[in-house]
Amino acid sequence: MKALGRKGEALAAAYLSERGYQILEVNWRCARGELDLVARDGKVLVFIEVKTRRSQRHGTAAEAVDARKQEKIRSLALNYIHQTGKTAAAYRFDVVTVDARTEQVTVIQNAF
């Protein structure tokens, strides 16, 4: 399962880079957890959750980022800002979904 997630994160990072995002971190970790991707989109610091699925049998990839997961990502983002000192004019939370079968990448900006 980890291999599927890593492949999805690599596809997402490449897709976002092609669209002008500057990828700052991949799998940034701290004691509380992990942020999949951290990037700059112009003057905006973006925290990106990547969800990769082979099928929708257990729901869509975007549905997996529920309220509890969103709160965890917000907390990790604050931790990232405090630990790295990286700030921005604005902050955003995106969700990127990857269909493992077709390698289709979908970006949901301002997902939460």
C-alpha atoms as a PDB file:
ATOM      1  CA  MET A   1       0.000   0.000   0.000  1.00  0.00           C
ATOM      2  CA  LYS A   2       2.844   2.409   0.764  1.00  0.00           C
ATOM      3  CA  ALA A   3       4.233   1.888  -2.740  1.00  0.00           C
ATOM      4  CA  LEU A   4       0.875   2.947  -4.222  1.00  0.00           C
ATOM      5  CA  GLY A   5       0.852   6.090  -2.079  1.00  0.00           C
ATOM      6  CA  ARG A   6       4.445   6.997  -2.961  1.00  0.00           C
ATOM      7  CA  LYS A   7       3.723   6.538  -6.667  1.00  0.00           C
ATOM      8  CA  GLY A   8       0.673   8.796  -6.355  1.00  0.00           C
ATOM      9  CA  GLU A   9       2.699  11.437  -4.510  1.00  0.00           C
ATOM     10  CA  ALA A  10       5.385  11.361  -7.217  1.00  0.00           C
ATOM     11  CA  LEU A  11       2.760  11.736  -9.971  1.00  0.00           C
ATOM     12  CA  ALA A  12       1.097  14.573  -8.053  1.00  0.00           C
ATOM     13  CA  ALA A  13       4.400  16.406  -7.479  1.00  0.00           C
ATOM     14  CA  ALA A  14       5.333  16.129 -11.167  1.00  0.00           C
ATOM     15  CA  TYR A  15       1.860  17.308 -12.250  1.00  0.00           C
ATOM     16  CA  LEU A  16       1.938  20.296  -9.892  1.00  0.00           C
ATOM     17  CA  SER A  17       5.506  21.240 -10.904  1.00  0.00           C
ATOM     18  CA  GLU A  18       4.430  21.306 -14.552  1.00  0.00           C
ATOM     19  CA  ARG A  19       1.710  23.777 -13.555  1.00  0.00           C
ATOM     20  CA  GLY A  20       4.032  26.195 -11.798  1.00  0.00           C
ATOM     21  CA  TYR A  21       3.988  24.959  -8.213  1.00  0.00           C
ATOM     22  CA  GLN A  22       7.384  24.969  -6.514  1.00  0.00           C
ATOM     23  CA  ILE A  23       7.575  21.763  -4.492  1.00  0.00           C
ATOM     24  CA  LEU A  24       9.285  22.544  -1.170  1.00  0.00           C
ATOM     25  CA  GLU A  25       8.764  19.286   0.711  1.00  0.00           C
ATOM     26  CA  VAL A  26       7.766  15.710  -0.036  1.00  0.00           C
ATOM     27  CA  ASN A  27       6.657  13.614   2.945  1.00  0.00           C
ATOM     28  CA  TRP A  28       7.627  16.218   5.554  1.00  0.00           C
ATOM     29  CA  ARG A  29       7.545  14.503   8.939  1.00  0.00           C
ATOM     30  CA  CYS A  30       7.393  15.561  12.544  1.00  0.00           C
ATOM     31  CA  ALA A  31       6.420  13.774  15.756  1.00  0.00           C
ATOM     32  CA  ARG A  32       2.719  14.415  15.061  1.00  0.00           C
ATOM     33  CA  GLY A  33       2.548  13.030  11.533  1.00  0.00           C
ATOM     34  CA  GLU A  34       3.321  13.710   7.907  1.00  0.00           C
ATOM     35  CA  LEU A  35       2.424  16.257   5.248  1.00  0.00           C
ATOM     36  CA  ASP A  36       2.401  14.676   1.776  1.00  0.00           C
ATOM     37  CA  LEU A  37       3.511  17.782  -0.131  1.00  0.00           C
ATOM     38  CA  VAL A  38       4.268  21.386   0.726  1.00  0.00           C
ATOM     39  CA  ALA A  39       4.573  23.805  -2.174  1.00  0.00           C
ATOM     40  CA  ARG A  40       4.519  27.432  -3.210  1.00  0.00           C
ATOM     41  CA  ASP A  41       1.977  28.587  -5.755  1.00  0.00           C
ATOM     42  CA  GLY A  42       3.051  32.150  -6.377  1.00  0.00           C
ATOM     43  CA  LYS A  43       2.959  33.864  -2.980  1.00  0.00           C
ATOM     44  CA  VAL A  44       0.764  31.151  -1.448  1.00  0.00           C
ATOM     45  CA  LEU A  45       2.149  28.367   0.749  1.00  0.00           C
ATOM     46  CA  VAL A  46       0.132  25.251  -0.098  1.00  0.00           C
ATOM     47  CA  PHE A  47      -0.273  22.143   2.047  1.00  0.00           C
ATOM     48  CA  ILE A  48      -1.289  19.261  -0.185  1.00  0.00           C
ATOM     49  CA  GLU A  49      -2.864  15.957   0.775  1.00  0.00           C
ATOM     50  CA  VAL A  50      -2.485  13.317  -1.935  1.00  0.00           C
ATOM     51  CA  LYS A  51      -4.930  10.430  -2.152  1.00  0.00           C
ATOM     52  CA  THR A  52      -4.345   7.599  -4.609  1.00  0.00           C
ATOM     53  CA  ARG A  53      -6.966   4.966  -5.366  1.00  0.00           C
ATOM     54  CA  ARG A  54      -7.187   1.888  -7.579  1.00  0.00           C
ATOM     55  CA  SER A  55     -10.999   1.910  -7.394  1.00  0.00           C
ATOM     56  CA  GLN A  56     -13.864   3.746  -5.717  1.00  0.00           C
ATOM     57  CA  ARG A  57     -15.013   0.633  -3.866  1.00  0.00           C
ATOM     58  CA  HIS A  58     -14.265   2.325  -0.512  1.00  0.00           C
ATOM     59  CA  GLY A  59     -15.349   5.800  -1.653  1.00  0.00           C
ATOM     60  CA  THR A  60     -13.618   8.430  -3.713  1.00  0.00           C
ATOM     61  CA  ALA A  61     -10.131   9.610  -2.913  1.00  0.00           C
ATOM     62  CA  ALA A  62     -11.397  13.087  -2.023  1.00  0.00           C
ATOM     63  CA  GLU A  63     -13.937  11.638   0.439  1.00  0.00           C
ATOM     64  CA  ALA A  64     -11.057  10.112   2.400  1.00  0.00           C
ATOM     65  CA  VAL A  65     -10.045  13.611   3.505  1.00  0.00           C
ATOM     66  CA  ASP A  66     -12.758  13.892   6.135  1.00  0.00           C
ATOM     67  CA  ALA A  67     -13.116  16.508   8.882  1.00  0.00           C
ATOM     68  CA  ARG A  68     -10.795  14.605  11.237  1.00  0.00           C
ATOM     69  CA  LYS A  69      -8.082  14.331   8.554  1.00  0.00           C
ATOM     70  CA  GLN A  70      -8.507  18.023   7.689  1.00  0.00           C
ATOM     71  CA  GLU A  71      -7.960  19.030  11.318  1.00  0.00           C
ATOM     72  CA  LYS A  72      -4.821  16.886  11.491  1.00  0.00           C
ATOM     73  CA  ILE A  73      -3.443  18.509   8.320  1.00  0.00           C
ATOM     74  CA  ARG A  74      -4.171  21.994   9.711  1.00  0.00           C
ATOM     75  CA  SER A  75      -2.300  21.099  12.900  1.00  0.00           C
ATOM     76  CA  LEU A  76       0.645  19.697  10.938  1.00  0.00           C
ATOM     77  CA  ALA A  77       0.710  22.844   8.782  1.00  0.00           C
ATOM     78  CA  LEU A  78       1.038  25.027  11.892  1.00  0.00           C
ATOM     79  CA  ASN A  79       3.781  22.739  13.129  1.00  0.00           C
ATOM     80  CA  TYR A  80       5.554  23.048   9.758  1.00  0.00           C
ATOM     81  CA  ILE A  81       5.408  26.855   9.834  1.00  0.00           C
ATOM     82  CA  HIS A  82       6.749  26.980  13.408  1.00  0.00           C
ATOM     83  CA  GLN A  83       9.520  24.444  12.811  1.00  0.00           C
ATOM     84  CA  THR A  84      10.736  25.736   9.438  1.00  0.00           C
ATOM     85  CA  GLY A  85      10.011  29.445   9.825  1.00  0.00           C
ATOM     86  CA  LYS A  86       8.575  29.456   6.278  1.00  0.00           C
ATOM     87  CA  THR A  87       5.754  31.951   5.980  1.00  0.00           C
ATOM     88  CA  ALA A  88       3.709  33.325   3.110  1.00  0.00           C
ATOM     89  CA  ALA A  89       1.262  36.052   2.159  1.00  0.00           C
ATOM     90  CA  ALA A  90      -1.474  33.400   2.229  1.00  0.00           C
ATOM     91  CA  TYR A  91      -1.963  29.711   2.966  1.00  0.00           C
ATOM     92  CA  ARG A  92      -4.067  27.112   1.212  1.00  0.00           C
ATOM     93  CA  PHE A  93      -5.033  23.469   1.611  1.00  0.00           C
ATOM     94  CA  ASP A  94      -5.361  21.445  -1.589  1.00  0.00           C
ATOM     95  CA  VAL A  95      -6.296  17.834  -2.127  1.00  0.00           C
ATOM     96  CA  VAL A  96      -4.839  15.992  -5.099  1.00  0.00           C
ATOM     97  CA  THR A  97      -6.439  12.748  -6.192  1.00  0.00           C
ATOM     98  CA  VAL A  98      -4.668  10.196  -8.354  1.00  0.00           C
ATOM     99  CA  ASP A  99      -6.362   7.340 -10.202  1.00  0.00           C
ATOM    100  CA  ALA A 100      -3.760   4.586 -10.033  1.00  0.00           C
ATOM    101  CA  ARG A 101      -5.168   2.806 -13.098  1.00  0.00           C
ATOM    102  CA  THR A 102      -5.113   5.760 -15.499  1.00  0.00           C
ATOM    103  CA  GLU A 103      -2.619   7.977 -13.634  1.00  0.00           C
ATOM    104  CA  GLN A 104      -5.141  10.813 -13.937  1.00  0.00           C
ATOM    105  CA  VAL A 105      -4.359  13.607 -11.482  1.00  0.00           C
ATOM    106  CA  THR A 106      -7.065  15.984 -10.222  1.00  0.00           C
ATOM    107  CA  VAL A 107      -6.309  19.058  -8.110  1.00  0.00           C
ATOM    108  CA  ILE A 108      -8.924  20.436  -5.734  1.00  0.00           C
ATOM    109  CA  GLN A 109      -7.674  23.879  -4.719  1.00  0.00           C
ATOM    110  CA  ASN A 110      -8.919  25.349  -1.437  1.00  0.00           C
ATOM    111  CA  ALA A 111     -10.364  21.926  -0.612  1.00  0.00           C
ATOM    112  CA  PHE A 112     -10.909  22.966   3.013  1.00  0.00           C
END
